[in-house]
Amino acid sequence: MAGILDGVDQRTNLVGENRLELLLFSLGGRQRFGINVFKVQEVIMCPALTKIANSHPMVIGMTNMRGKTISVMDLALAIGKKPLKHSDNNYLIITEYNRQVQGFLTSGVDRIVNMNWSEIKAPPKGLGKDNYMTAVTEVDNELIEIIDVEKVLAELLGVDLSAIDGAEEVKTKEDKSIRVLVVDDSSVARNQIKRTLDKLGMECTIGKNGLDGLNILKNMVKDGSDIADHIDVLISDVEMPEMDGYTLTSEIRANEALKKLPILLHTSLSGVFNQSMVAKVGADKFVPKFNAEDLAREVTEILETKGIV
């Protein structure tokens, strides 16, 4: 197991190449799940946990990691499965999402697999809004489910839009509504972004992954029109099935009809790494998920810089 887990925090060189590495784990049954290694800070045997009175049911306790107190969640319970029995054989996957560190209790950790984002597919249609699957892939002829962790955390922490209550609508210089293409594979993240932009009076078009977003843009200009006639700014996630946000940005910048489109990358991945990737692929800005005030400020600054507002 040590060989699998050594250097997890160093395995980031594939980001930006439309590739990722998945850490495979289990939640008490035969089904295996995957999480992007880039989100993982550490994997450890589950230590003793301190119970917290009146905490959310999915929070099974707290632990101290390198001087920092973190919440530990039963990921099986969070996605509607039977709660895991806490034992000495359980593993904690320590992750960072949306600028917060948390631990997820698992029944076992398998191995790391190297994949292309084109091998990561959207979940089957018709699953309903109560499912927690954001993507699927196949490893060793077995279906691997990738959990929508942002949905899990949104249900635990909620979404605070109070900082932009009463915000003034943002209009173009011609006093028209700002048109935004929002590309994200998480339905929860799309809704969070849309609610924020609605408060700013902006109109949203939705894409469910990078390839979907690219096709939407190409269809807009297939008649030879200028992309600025259709969309004022793109807000894109980075981690997405079929095509990641970095590759989407590179494709846009290489397309003569699309290359001037302002692009804001909006992701829960590491901020320091993203700053260098923004320059590499040609995006305009990067903002960590999810803070409504930060998102509103950054998208407005892009529009001001480009002379759109």
C-alpha atoms as a PDB file:
ATOM      1  CA  MET A   1       0.000   0.000   0.000  1.00  0.00           C
ATOM      2  CA  ALA A   2       2.863   2.392   0.748  1.00  0.00           C
ATOM      3  CA  GLY A   3       4.013   2.127  -2.882  1.00  0.00           C
ATOM      4  CA  ILE A   4       0.598   3.200  -4.104  1.00  0.00           C
ATOM      5  CA  LEU A   5       0.357   6.162  -1.773  1.00  0.00           C
ATOM      6  CA  ASP A   6       3.923   7.491  -1.882  1.00  0.00           C
ATOM      7  CA  GLY A   7       4.128  10.861  -3.598  1.00  0.00           C
ATOM      8  CA  VAL A   8       0.410  11.387  -4.093  1.00  0.00           C
ATOM      9  CA  ASP A   9       0.929  15.116  -3.618  1.00  0.00           C
ATOM     10  CA  GLN A  10       3.554  15.144  -6.378  1.00  0.00           C
ATOM     11  CA  ARG A  11       1.560  13.457  -9.149  1.00  0.00           C
ATOM     12  CA  THR A  12       0.313  16.611 -10.849  1.00  0.00           C
ATOM     13  CA  ASN A  13       2.326  16.753 -14.065  1.00  0.00           C
ATOM     14  CA  LEU A  14      -0.484  15.292 -16.194  1.00  0.00           C
ATOM     15  CA  VAL A  15      -2.875  18.163 -15.524  1.00  0.00           C
ATOM     16  CA  GLY A  16      -3.119  20.286 -18.652  1.00  0.00           C
ATOM     17  CA  GLU A  17      -2.520  17.329 -20.969  1.00  0.00           C
ATOM     18  CA  ASN A  18      -6.177  16.227 -20.885  1.00  0.00           C
ATOM     19  CA  ARG A  19      -5.022  13.429 -18.570  1.00  0.00           C
ATOM     20  CA  LEU A  20      -5.580  12.595 -14.940  1.00  0.00           C
ATOM     21  CA  GLU A  21      -4.794   9.944 -12.374  1.00  0.00           C
ATOM     22  CA  LEU A  22      -7.580   8.386 -10.334  1.00  0.00           C
ATOM     23  CA  LEU A  23      -7.184   6.937  -6.858  1.00  0.00           C
ATOM     24  CA  LEU A  24      -9.542   3.950  -6.699  1.00  0.00           C
ATOM     25  CA  PHE A  25     -11.274   3.140  -3.424  1.00  0.00           C
ATOM     26  CA  SER A  26     -14.252   1.247  -2.015  1.00  0.00           C
ATOM     27  CA  LEU A  27     -17.117   2.089   0.322  1.00  0.00           C
ATOM     28  CA  GLY A  28     -18.049  -1.214   1.907  1.00  0.00           C
ATOM     29  CA  GLY A  29     -19.055  -3.176  -1.184  1.00  0.00           C
ATOM     30  CA  ARG A  30     -17.634  -4.510  -4.438  1.00  0.00           C
ATOM     31  CA  GLN A  31     -18.263  -1.271  -6.332  1.00  0.00           C
ATOM     32  CA  ARG A  32     -15.121   0.848  -6.755  1.00  0.00           C
ATOM     33  CA  PHE A  33     -15.053   4.619  -6.894  1.00  0.00           C
ATOM     34  CA  GLY A  34     -12.485   7.118  -8.135  1.00  0.00           C
ATOM     35  CA  ILE A  35     -11.149  10.503  -7.059  1.00  0.00           C
ATOM     36  CA  ASN A  36      -8.663  12.706  -8.909  1.00  0.00           C
ATOM     37  CA  VAL A  37      -5.230  12.300  -7.298  1.00  0.00           C
ATOM     38  CA  PHE A  38      -4.678  16.029  -7.661  1.00  0.00           C
ATOM     39  CA  LYS A  39      -7.355  16.599  -4.993  1.00  0.00           C
ATOM     40  CA  VAL A  40      -5.686  14.190  -2.560  1.00  0.00           C
ATOM     41  CA  GLN A  41      -3.269  15.494   0.065  1.00  0.00           C
ATOM     42  CA  GLU A  42      -2.709  12.248   1.918  1.00  0.00           C
ATOM     43  CA  VAL A  43      -4.084   8.735   2.475  1.00  0.00           C
ATOM     44  CA  ILE A  44      -3.741   7.232   5.972  1.00  0.00           C
ATOM     45  CA  MET A  45      -5.133   4.488   8.146  1.00  0.00           C
ATOM     46  CA  CYS A  46      -8.071   5.971  10.007  1.00  0.00           C
ATOM     47  CA  PRO A  47      -6.950   7.329  13.396  1.00  0.00           C
ATOM     48  CA  ALA A  48      -9.102   7.656  16.496  1.00  0.00           C
ATOM     49  CA  LEU A  49     -11.778  10.286  15.906  1.00  0.00           C
ATOM     50  CA  THR A  50     -13.240  12.835  18.294  1.00  0.00           C
ATOM     51  CA  LYS A  51     -17.029  12.857  18.217  1.00  0.00           C
ATOM     52  CA  ILE A  52     -18.721  16.233  17.871  1.00  0.00           C
ATOM     53  CA  ALA A  53     -22.127  16.760  19.480  1.00  0.00           C
ATOM     54  CA  ASN A  54     -24.979  17.887  17.215  1.00  0.00           C
ATOM     55  CA  SER A  55     -22.861  17.587  14.068  1.00  0.00           C
ATOM     56  CA  HIS A  56     -24.253  16.690  10.662  1.00  0.00           C
ATOM     57  CA  PRO A  57     -24.997  12.914  10.411  1.00  0.00           C
ATOM     58  CA  MET A  58     -22.388  12.423   7.685  1.00  0.00           C
ATOM     59  CA  VAL A  59     -19.659  13.965   9.889  1.00  0.00           C
ATOM     60  CA  ILE A  60     -18.451  11.087  12.049  1.00  0.00           C
ATOM     61  CA  GLY A  61     -15.800  13.006  13.941  1.00  0.00           C
ATOM     62  CA  MET A  62     -12.759  15.250  13.890  1.00  0.00           C
ATOM     63  CA  THR A  63      -9.060  14.514  13.774  1.00  0.00           C
ATOM     64  CA  ASN A  64      -5.852  16.506  13.888  1.00  0.00           C
ATOM     65  CA  MET A  65      -3.627  16.404  10.813  1.00  0.00           C
ATOM     66  CA  ARG A  66      -0.301  18.231  10.975  1.00  0.00           C
ATOM     67  CA  GLY A  67      -1.635  20.762  13.454  1.00  0.00           C
ATOM     68  CA  LYS A  68      -4.924  21.313  11.630  1.00  0.00           C
ATOM     69  CA  THR A  69      -8.289  20.040  12.843  1.00  0.00           C
ATOM     70  CA  ILE A  70     -10.358  18.554  10.027  1.00  0.00           C
ATOM     71  CA  SER A  71     -13.824  17.067   9.719  1.00  0.00           C
ATOM     72  CA  VAL A  72     -14.113  13.408   8.740  1.00  0.00           C
ATOM     73  CA  MET A  73     -17.116  12.332   6.669  1.00  0.00           C
ATOM     74  CA  ASP A  74     -18.555   8.911   6.017  1.00  0.00           C
ATOM     75  CA  LEU A  75     -18.622   9.114   2.225  1.00  0.00           C
ATOM     76  CA  ALA A  76     -20.803   6.004   1.925  1.00  0.00           C
ATOM     77  CA  LEU A  77     -23.495   7.558   4.116  1.00  0.00           C
ATOM     78  CA  ALA A  78     -23.171  10.875   2.275  1.00  0.00           C
ATOM     79  CA  ILE A  79     -24.114   9.272  -1.053  1.00  0.00           C
ATOM     80  CA  GLY A  80     -27.021   7.270   0.333  1.00  0.00           C
ATOM     81  CA  LYS A  81     -25.336   3.948   1.110  1.00  0.00           C
ATOM     82  CA  LYS A  82     -25.071   2.071   4.390  1.00  0.00           C
ATOM     83  CA  PRO A  83     -22.720   3.806   6.840  1.00  0.00           C
ATOM     84  CA  LEU A  84     -19.269   2.272   7.135  1.00  0.00           C
ATOM     85  CA  LYS A  85     -18.284   0.438  10.284  1.00  0.00           C
ATOM     86  CA  HIS A  86     -15.360   2.284  11.821  1.00  0.00           C
ATOM     87  CA  SER A  87     -12.481  -0.173  12.149  1.00  0.00           C
ATOM     88  CA  ASP A  88      -8.673  -0.271  12.169  1.00  0.00           C
ATOM     89  CA  ASN A  89      -8.775  -1.357   8.509  1.00  0.00           C
ATOM     90  CA  ASN A  90     -10.472   1.805   7.259  1.00  0.00           C
ATOM     91  CA  TYR A  91      -8.601   4.464   5.336  1.00  0.00           C
ATOM     92  CA  LEU A  92      -8.977   8.229   5.356  1.00  0.00           C
ATOM     93  CA  ILE A  93      -8.540  10.081   2.082  1.00  0.00           C
ATOM     94  CA  ILE A  94      -7.523  13.631   3.008  1.00  0.00           C
ATOM     95  CA  THR A  95      -8.619  16.029   0.266  1.00  0.00           C
ATOM     96  CA  GLU A  96      -8.842  19.709  -0.502  1.00  0.00           C
ATOM     97  CA  TYR A  97     -11.978  20.956  -2.216  1.00  0.00           C
ATOM     98  CA  ASN A  98     -13.076  24.540  -2.618  1.00  0.00           C
ATOM     99  CA  ARG A  99     -10.340  25.855  -0.305  1.00  0.00           C
ATOM    100  CA  GLN A 100     -11.299  23.474   2.515  1.00  0.00           C
ATOM    101  CA  VAL A 101      -9.532  20.342   3.768  1.00  0.00           C
ATOM    102  CA  GLN A 102     -11.623  17.356   4.806  1.00  0.00           C
ATOM    103  CA  GLY A 103     -11.263  13.619   5.338  1.00  0.00           C
ATOM    104  CA  PHE A 104     -13.395  10.938   3.696  1.00  0.00           C
ATOM    105  CA  LEU A 105     -13.741   7.574   5.425  1.00  0.00           C
ATOM    106  CA  THR A 106     -13.413   4.610   3.042  1.00  0.00           C
ATOM    107  CA  SER A 107     -13.392   0.849   3.545  1.00  0.00           C
ATOM    108  CA  GLY A 108     -10.327   0.364   1.372  1.00  0.00           C
ATOM    109  CA  VAL A 109      -7.922   2.007  -1.078  1.00  0.00           C
ATOM    110  CA  ASP A 110      -6.936   0.083  -4.207  1.00  0.00           C
ATOM    111  CA  ARG A 111      -4.447   1.776  -6.559  1.00  0.00           C
ATOM    112  CA  ILE A 112      -3.814   4.726  -8.848  1.00  0.00           C
ATOM    113  CA  VAL A 113      -4.649   4.513 -12.557  1.00  0.00           C
ATOM    114  CA  ASN A 114      -3.486   6.882 -15.298  1.00  0.00           C
ATOM    115  CA  MET A 115      -6.241   7.902 -17.731  1.00  0.00           C
ATOM    116  CA  ASN A 116      -7.192  10.352 -20.438  1.00  0.00           C
ATOM    117  CA  TRP A 117     -10.150  12.635 -19.774  1.00  0.00           C
ATOM    118  CA  SER A 118     -11.673  11.282 -23.021  1.00  0.00           C
ATOM    119  CA  GLU A 119     -12.064   7.961 -21.170  1.00  0.00           C
ATOM    120  CA  ILE A 120     -14.107   9.657 -18.436  1.00  0.00           C
ATOM    121  CA  LYS A 121     -17.752   9.759 -19.489  1.00  0.00           C
ATOM    122  CA  ALA A 122     -20.856  11.529 -18.259  1.00  0.00           C
ATOM    123  CA  PRO A 123     -23.078   9.269 -16.125  1.00  0.00           C
ATOM    124  CA  PRO A 124     -25.981   7.432 -17.781  1.00  0.00           C
ATOM    125  CA  LYS A 125     -29.040   9.559 -18.402  1.00  0.00           C
ATOM    126  CA  GLY A 126     -32.141   9.038 -16.308  1.00  0.00           C
ATOM    127  CA  LEU A 127     -30.395   8.583 -12.957  1.00  0.00           C
ATOM    128  CA  GLY A 128     -32.418  11.396 -11.396  1.00  0.00           C
ATOM    129  CA  LYS A 129     -31.346  14.395  -9.360  1.00  0.00           C
ATOM    130  CA  ASP A 130     -30.701  12.341  -6.207  1.00  0.00           C
ATOM    131  CA  ASN A 131     -27.683  10.498  -7.598  1.00  0.00           C
ATOM    132  CA  TYR A 132     -24.139  11.493  -6.596  1.00  0.00           C
ATOM    133  CA  MET A 133     -22.337  10.389  -9.738  1.00  0.00           C
ATOM    134  CA  THR A 134     -20.599  13.092 -11.763  1.00  0.00           C
ATOM    135  CA  ALA A 135     -18.819  10.742 -14.196  1.00  0.00           C
ATOM    136  CA  VAL A 136     -17.981   7.114 -14.910  1.00  0.00           C
ATOM    137  CA  THR A 137     -15.107   5.227 -16.467  1.00  0.00           C
ATOM    138  CA  GLU A 138     -13.991   1.646 -16.967  1.00  0.00           C
ATOM    139  CA  VAL A 139     -10.979  -0.041 -15.368  1.00  0.00           C
ATOM    140  CA  ASP A 140     -10.285  -3.774 -15.772  1.00  0.00           C
ATOM    141  CA  ASN A 141     -13.698  -4.173 -17.468  1.00  0.00           C
ATOM    142  CA  GLU A 142     -15.361  -2.771 -14.359  1.00  0.00           C
ATOM    143  CA  LEU A 143     -17.428   0.406 -14.097  1.00  0.00           C
ATOM    144  CA  ILE A 144     -15.811   2.995 -11.813  1.00  0.00           C
ATOM    145  CA  GLU A 145     -18.067   5.712 -10.372  1.00  0.00           C
ATOM    146  CA  ILE A 146     -16.671   9.208  -9.823  1.00  0.00           C
ATOM    147  CA  ILE A 147     -18.562  10.949  -7.039  1.00  0.00           C
ATOM    148  CA  ASP A 148     -19.810  14.524  -7.244  1.00  0.00           C
ATOM    149  CA  VAL A 149     -17.964  15.638  -4.106  1.00  0.00           C
ATOM    150  CA  GLU A 150     -19.102  19.232  -4.657  1.00  0.00           C
ATOM    151  CA  LYS A 151     -22.693  18.053  -4.257  1.00  0.00           C
ATOM    152  CA  VAL A 152     -21.796  16.224  -1.045  1.00  0.00           C
ATOM    153  CA  LEU A 153     -20.105  19.315   0.382  1.00  0.00           C
ATOM    154  CA  ALA A 154     -22.900  21.644  -0.740  1.00  0.00           C
ATOM    155  CA  GLU A 155     -25.397  19.510   1.179  1.00  0.00           C
ATOM    156  CA  LEU A 156     -23.156  19.610   4.226  1.00  0.00           C
ATOM    157  CA  LEU A 157     -22.100  23.263   4.162  1.00  0.00           C
ATOM    158  CA  GLY A 158     -24.783  24.976   2.082  1.00  0.00           C
ATOM    159  CA  VAL A 159     -24.174  27.832  -0.339  1.00  0.00           C
ATOM    160  CA  ASP A 160     -23.943  31.424   0.881  1.00  0.00           C
ATOM    161  CA  LEU A 161     -24.927  34.102  -1.635  1.00  0.00           C
ATOM    162  CA  SER A 162     -25.602  36.786   0.985  1.00  0.00           C
ATOM    163  CA  ALA A 163     -22.378  38.663   0.129  1.00  0.00           C
ATOM    164  CA  ILE A 164     -23.842  39.670  -3.233  1.00  0.00           C
ATOM    165  CA  ASP A 165     -27.415  40.327  -2.117  1.00  0.00           C
ATOM    166  CA  GLY A 166     -28.461  43.616  -3.652  1.00  0.00           C
ATOM    167  CA  ALA A 167     -25.585  43.596  -6.142  1.00  0.00           C
ATOM    168  CA  GLU A 168     -26.099  45.899  -9.097  1.00  0.00           C
ATOM    169  CA  GLU A 169     -26.750  44.340 -12.489  1.00  0.00           C
ATOM    170  CA  VAL A 170     -23.746  44.311 -14.826  1.00  0.00           C
ATOM    171  CA  LYS A 171     -24.529  45.564 -18.355  1.00  0.00           C
ATOM    172  CA  THR A 172     -22.528  45.979 -21.530  1.00  0.00           C
ATOM    173  CA  LYS A 173     -21.604  49.462 -22.726  1.00  0.00           C
ATOM    174  CA  GLU A 174     -24.642  49.222 -24.994  1.00  0.00           C
ATOM    175  CA  ASP A 175     -26.790  48.540 -21.876  1.00  0.00           C
ATOM    176  CA  LYS A 176     -27.395  44.926 -22.892  1.00  0.00           C
ATOM    177  CA  SER A 177     -27.321  41.886 -20.632  1.00  0.00           C
ATOM    178  CA  ILE A 178     -24.014  40.074 -20.261  1.00  0.00           C
ATOM    179  CA  ARG A 179     -24.125  36.605 -21.854  1.00  0.00           C
ATOM    180  CA  VAL A 180     -22.110  33.873 -20.133  1.00  0.00           C
ATOM    181  CA  LEU A 181     -21.356  30.299 -21.160  1.00  0.00           C
ATOM    182  CA  VAL A 182     -20.989  28.205 -17.991  1.00  0.00           C
ATOM    183  CA  VAL A 183     -19.241  24.846 -18.469  1.00  0.00           C
ATOM    184  CA  ASP A 184     -19.135  22.420 -15.525  1.00  0.00           C
ATOM    185  CA  ASP A 185     -19.886  18.715 -15.137  1.00  0.00           C
ATOM    186  CA  SER A 186     -21.360  19.133 -11.643  1.00  0.00           C
ATOM    187  CA  SER A 187     -25.033  20.109 -11.622  1.00  0.00           C
ATOM    188  CA  VAL A 188     -24.552  21.617  -8.155  1.00  0.00           C
ATOM    189  CA  ALA A 189     -21.643  23.772  -9.343  1.00  0.00           C
ATOM    190  CA  ARG A 190     -23.613  24.902 -12.410  1.00  0.00           C
ATOM    191  CA  ASN A 191     -26.518  25.923 -10.202  1.00  0.00           C
ATOM    192  CA  GLN A 192     -24.219  27.790  -7.790  1.00  0.00           C
ATOM    193  CA  ILE A 193     -22.667  29.751 -10.642  1.00  0.00           C
ATOM    194  CA  LYS A 194     -26.010  30.447 -12.313  1.00  0.00           C
ATOM    195  CA  ARG A 195     -27.558  31.730  -9.080  1.00  0.00           C
ATOM    196  CA  THR A 196     -24.600  34.079  -8.636  1.00  0.00           C
ATOM    197  CA  LEU A 197     -24.794  35.362 -12.215  1.00  0.00           C
ATOM    198  CA  ASP A 198     -28.583  35.736 -11.977  1.00  0.00           C
ATOM    199  CA  LYS A 199     -28.037  38.204  -9.123  1.00  0.00           C
ATOM    200  CA  LEU A 200     -25.776  40.201 -11.464  1.00  0.00           C
ATOM    201  CA  GLY A 201     -28.440  40.213 -14.186  1.00  0.00           C
ATOM    202  CA  MET A 202     -26.415  37.988 -16.531  1.00  0.00           C
ATOM    203  CA  GLU A 203     -27.829  35.468 -19.005  1.00  0.00           C
ATOM    204  CA  CYS A 204     -26.430  31.915 -18.854  1.00  0.00           C
ATOM    205  CA  THR A 205     -25.948  29.178 -21.421  1.00  0.00           C
ATOM    206  CA  ILE A 206     -24.954  25.829 -19.912  1.00  0.00           C
ATOM    207  CA  GLY A 207     -22.427  23.232 -21.088  1.00  0.00           C
ATOM    208  CA  LYS A 208     -21.988  19.963 -19.184  1.00  0.00           C
ATOM    209  CA  ASN A 209     -18.326  19.289 -20.020  1.00  0.00           C
ATOM    210  CA  GLY A 210     -15.460  20.718 -22.059  1.00  0.00           C
ATOM    211  CA  LEU A 211     -16.394  18.945 -25.298  1.00  0.00           C
ATOM    212  CA  ASP A 212     -20.029  20.023 -24.922  1.00  0.00           C
ATOM    213  CA  GLY A 213     -18.904  23.613 -24.302  1.00  0.00           C
ATOM    214  CA  LEU A 214     -16.620  23.603 -27.358  1.00  0.00           C
ATOM    215  CA  ASN A 215     -19.414  22.283 -29.565  1.00  0.00           C
ATOM    216  CA  ILE A 216     -21.789  24.970 -28.285  1.00  0.00           C
ATOM    217  CA  LEU A 217     -19.269  27.668 -29.208  1.00  0.00           C
ATOM    218  CA  LYS A 218     -18.533  26.195 -32.631  1.00  0.00           C
ATOM    219  CA  ASN A 219     -22.235  26.014 -33.432  1.00  0.00           C
ATOM    220  CA  MET A 220     -22.630  29.672 -32.519  1.00  0.00           C
ATOM    221  CA  VAL A 221     -20.091  30.776 -35.137  1.00  0.00           C
ATOM    222  CA  LYS A 222     -20.688  28.196 -37.859  1.00  0.00           C
ATOM    223  CA  ASP A 223     -22.483  30.856 -39.926  1.00  0.00           C
ATOM    224  CA  GLY A 224     -19.343  32.996 -39.885  1.00  0.00           C
ATOM    225  CA  SER A 225     -20.528  35.361 -37.156  1.00  0.00           C
ATOM    226  CA  ASP A 226     -18.290  36.756 -34.429  1.00  0.00           C
ATOM    227  CA  ILE A 227     -18.327  34.890 -31.107  1.00  0.00           C
ATOM    228  CA  ALA A 228     -18.774  38.287 -29.413  1.00  0.00           C
ATOM    229  CA  ASP A 229     -22.203  38.437 -31.044  1.00  0.00           C
ATOM    230  CA  HIS A 230     -23.257  35.448 -28.927  1.00  0.00           C
ATOM    231  CA  ILE A 231     -21.175  35.173 -25.723  1.00  0.00           C
ATOM    232  CA  ASP A 232     -19.298  37.766 -23.656  1.00  0.00           C
ATOM    233  CA  VAL A 233     -17.341  35.465 -21.336  1.00  0.00           C
ATOM    234  CA  LEU A 234     -16.768  31.753 -20.653  1.00  0.00           C
ATOM    235  CA  ILE A 235     -16.661  30.390 -17.088  1.00  0.00           C
ATOM    236  CA  SER A 236     -15.267  26.859 -17.117  1.00  0.00           C
ATOM    237  CA  ASP A 237     -14.465  24.160 -14.620  1.00  0.00           C
ATOM    238  CA  VAL A 238     -11.150  22.328 -15.098  1.00  0.00           C
ATOM    239  CA  GLU A 239     -11.978  18.705 -14.177  1.00  0.00           C
ATOM    240  CA  MET A 240     -14.589  17.431 -16.632  1.00  0.00           C
ATOM    241  CA  PRO A 241     -15.375  14.233 -18.560  1.00  0.00           C
ATOM    242  CA  GLU A 242     -14.285  13.928 -22.205  1.00  0.00           C
ATOM    243  CA  MET A 243     -12.362  17.239 -22.253  1.00  0.00           C
ATOM    244  CA  ASP A 244     -10.914  19.172 -19.328  1.00  0.00           C
ATOM    245  CA  GLY A 245     -11.013  22.952 -18.955  1.00  0.00           C
ATOM    246  CA  TYR A 246      -7.354  23.442 -19.829  1.00  0.00           C
ATOM    247  CA  THR A 247      -7.797  21.581 -23.121  1.00  0.00           C
ATOM    248  CA  LEU A 248     -11.022  23.474 -23.812  1.00  0.00           C
ATOM    249  CA  THR A 249      -9.123  26.743 -23.337  1.00  0.00           C
ATOM    250  CA  SER A 250      -6.319  25.609 -25.660  1.00  0.00           C
ATOM    251  CA  GLU A 251      -8.860  24.582 -28.322  1.00  0.00           C
ATOM    252  CA  ILE A 252     -10.565  27.966 -28.116  1.00  0.00           C
ATOM    253  CA  ARG A 253      -7.295  29.875 -28.377  1.00  0.00           C
ATOM    254  CA  ALA A 254      -6.308  27.797 -31.442  1.00  0.00           C
ATOM    255  CA  ASN A 255      -9.628  28.510 -33.199  1.00  0.00           C
ATOM    256  CA  GLU A 256      -9.598  31.732 -35.244  1.00  0.00           C
ATOM    257  CA  ALA A 257     -13.329  32.307 -34.745  1.00  0.00           C
ATOM    258  CA  LEU A 258     -13.229  31.763 -30.976  1.00  0.00           C
ATOM    259  CA  LYS A 259      -9.784  32.860 -29.786  1.00  0.00           C
ATOM    260  CA  LYS A 260     -10.772  36.317 -28.493  1.00  0.00           C
ATOM    261  CA  LEU A 261     -13.381  34.951 -26.077  1.00  0.00           C
ATOM    262  CA  PRO A 262     -12.573  35.938 -22.454  1.00  0.00           C
ATOM    263  CA  ILE A 263     -12.089  32.820 -20.305  1.00  0.00           C
ATOM    264  CA  LEU A 264     -12.343  32.464 -16.521  1.00  0.00           C
ATOM    265  CA  LEU A 265     -11.314  29.068 -15.112  1.00  0.00           C
ATOM    266  CA  HIS A 266     -13.310  28.252 -11.976  1.00  0.00           C
ATOM    267  CA  THR A 267     -12.035  25.191 -10.148  1.00  0.00           C
ATOM    268  CA  SER A 268     -11.447  23.497  -6.811  1.00  0.00           C
ATOM    269  CA  LEU A 269      -7.904  22.493  -7.831  1.00  0.00           C
ATOM    270  CA  SER A 270      -4.797  24.016  -6.231  1.00  0.00           C
ATOM    271  CA  GLY A 271      -4.518  27.768  -6.729  1.00  0.00           C
ATOM    272  CA  VAL A 272      -0.722  27.992  -7.119  1.00  0.00           C
ATOM    273  CA  PHE A 273      -0.656  25.337  -9.821  1.00  0.00           C
ATOM    274  CA  ASN A 274      -3.608  26.893 -11.637  1.00  0.00           C
ATOM    275  CA  GLN A 275      -1.932  30.283 -11.887  1.00  0.00           C
ATOM    276  CA  SER A 276       0.841  28.756 -13.998  1.00  0.00           C
ATOM    277  CA  MET A 277      -1.624  26.731 -16.053  1.00  0.00           C
ATOM    278  CA  VAL A 278      -3.709  29.840 -16.799  1.00  0.00           C
ATOM    279  CA  ALA A 279      -0.674  31.393 -18.494  1.00  0.00           C
ATOM    280  CA  LYS A 280       0.248  28.153 -20.265  1.00  0.00           C
ATOM    281  CA  VAL A 281      -3.135  27.559 -21.939  1.00  0.00           C
ATOM    282  CA  GLY A 282      -4.094  31.214 -22.423  1.00  0.00           C
ATOM    283  CA  ALA A 283      -6.997  31.694 -20.020  1.00  0.00           C
ATOM    284  CA  ASP A 284      -7.581  35.215 -18.696  1.00  0.00           C
ATOM    285  CA  LYS A 285      -8.167  34.471 -15.013  1.00  0.00           C
ATOM    286  CA  PHE A 286      -8.498  31.707 -12.449  1.00  0.00           C
ATOM    287  CA  VAL A 287     -10.739  31.775  -9.382  1.00  0.00           C
ATOM    288  CA  PRO A 288     -11.003  28.993  -6.761  1.00  0.00           C
ATOM    289  CA  LYS A 289     -14.420  27.469  -6.025  1.00  0.00           C
ATOM    290  CA  PHE A 290     -16.781  28.408  -4.463  1.00  0.00           C
ATOM    291  CA  ASN A 291     -17.227  31.917  -3.163  1.00  0.00           C
ATOM    292  CA  ALA A 292     -19.998  33.943  -4.767  1.00  0.00           C
ATOM    293  CA  GLU A 293     -18.349  37.285  -3.982  1.00  0.00           C
ATOM    294  CA  ASP A 294     -15.012  36.199  -5.510  1.00  0.00           C
ATOM    295  CA  LEU A 295     -16.702  34.844  -8.632  1.00  0.00           C
ATOM    296  CA  ALA A 296     -18.769  38.007  -9.101  1.00  0.00           C
ATOM    297  CA  ARG A 297     -15.692  40.205  -8.692  1.00  0.00           C
ATOM    298  CA  GLU A 298     -13.477  38.199 -11.061  1.00  0.00           C
ATOM    299  CA  VAL A 299     -16.010  37.925 -13.877  1.00  0.00           C
ATOM    300  CA  THR A 300     -16.737  41.653 -13.607  1.00  0.00           C
ATOM    301  CA  GLU A 301     -13.006  42.460 -13.733  1.00  0.00           C
ATOM    302  CA  ILE A 302     -12.573  40.376 -16.890  1.00  0.00           C
ATOM    303  CA  LEU A 303     -15.436  42.229 -18.549  1.00  0.00           C
ATOM    304  CA  GLU A 304     -13.981  45.593 -17.508  1.00  0.00           C
ATOM    305  CA  THR A 305     -10.489  44.644 -18.717  1.00  0.00           C
ATOM    306  CA  LYS A 306     -11.864  43.600 -22.103  1.00  0.00           C
ATOM    307  CA  GLY A 307     -13.874  46.816 -22.414  1.00  0.00           C
ATOM    308  CA  ILE A 308     -17.197  44.991 -22.501  1.00  0.00           C
ATOM    309  CA  VAL A 309     -18.690  46.887 -19.537  1.00  0.00           C
END
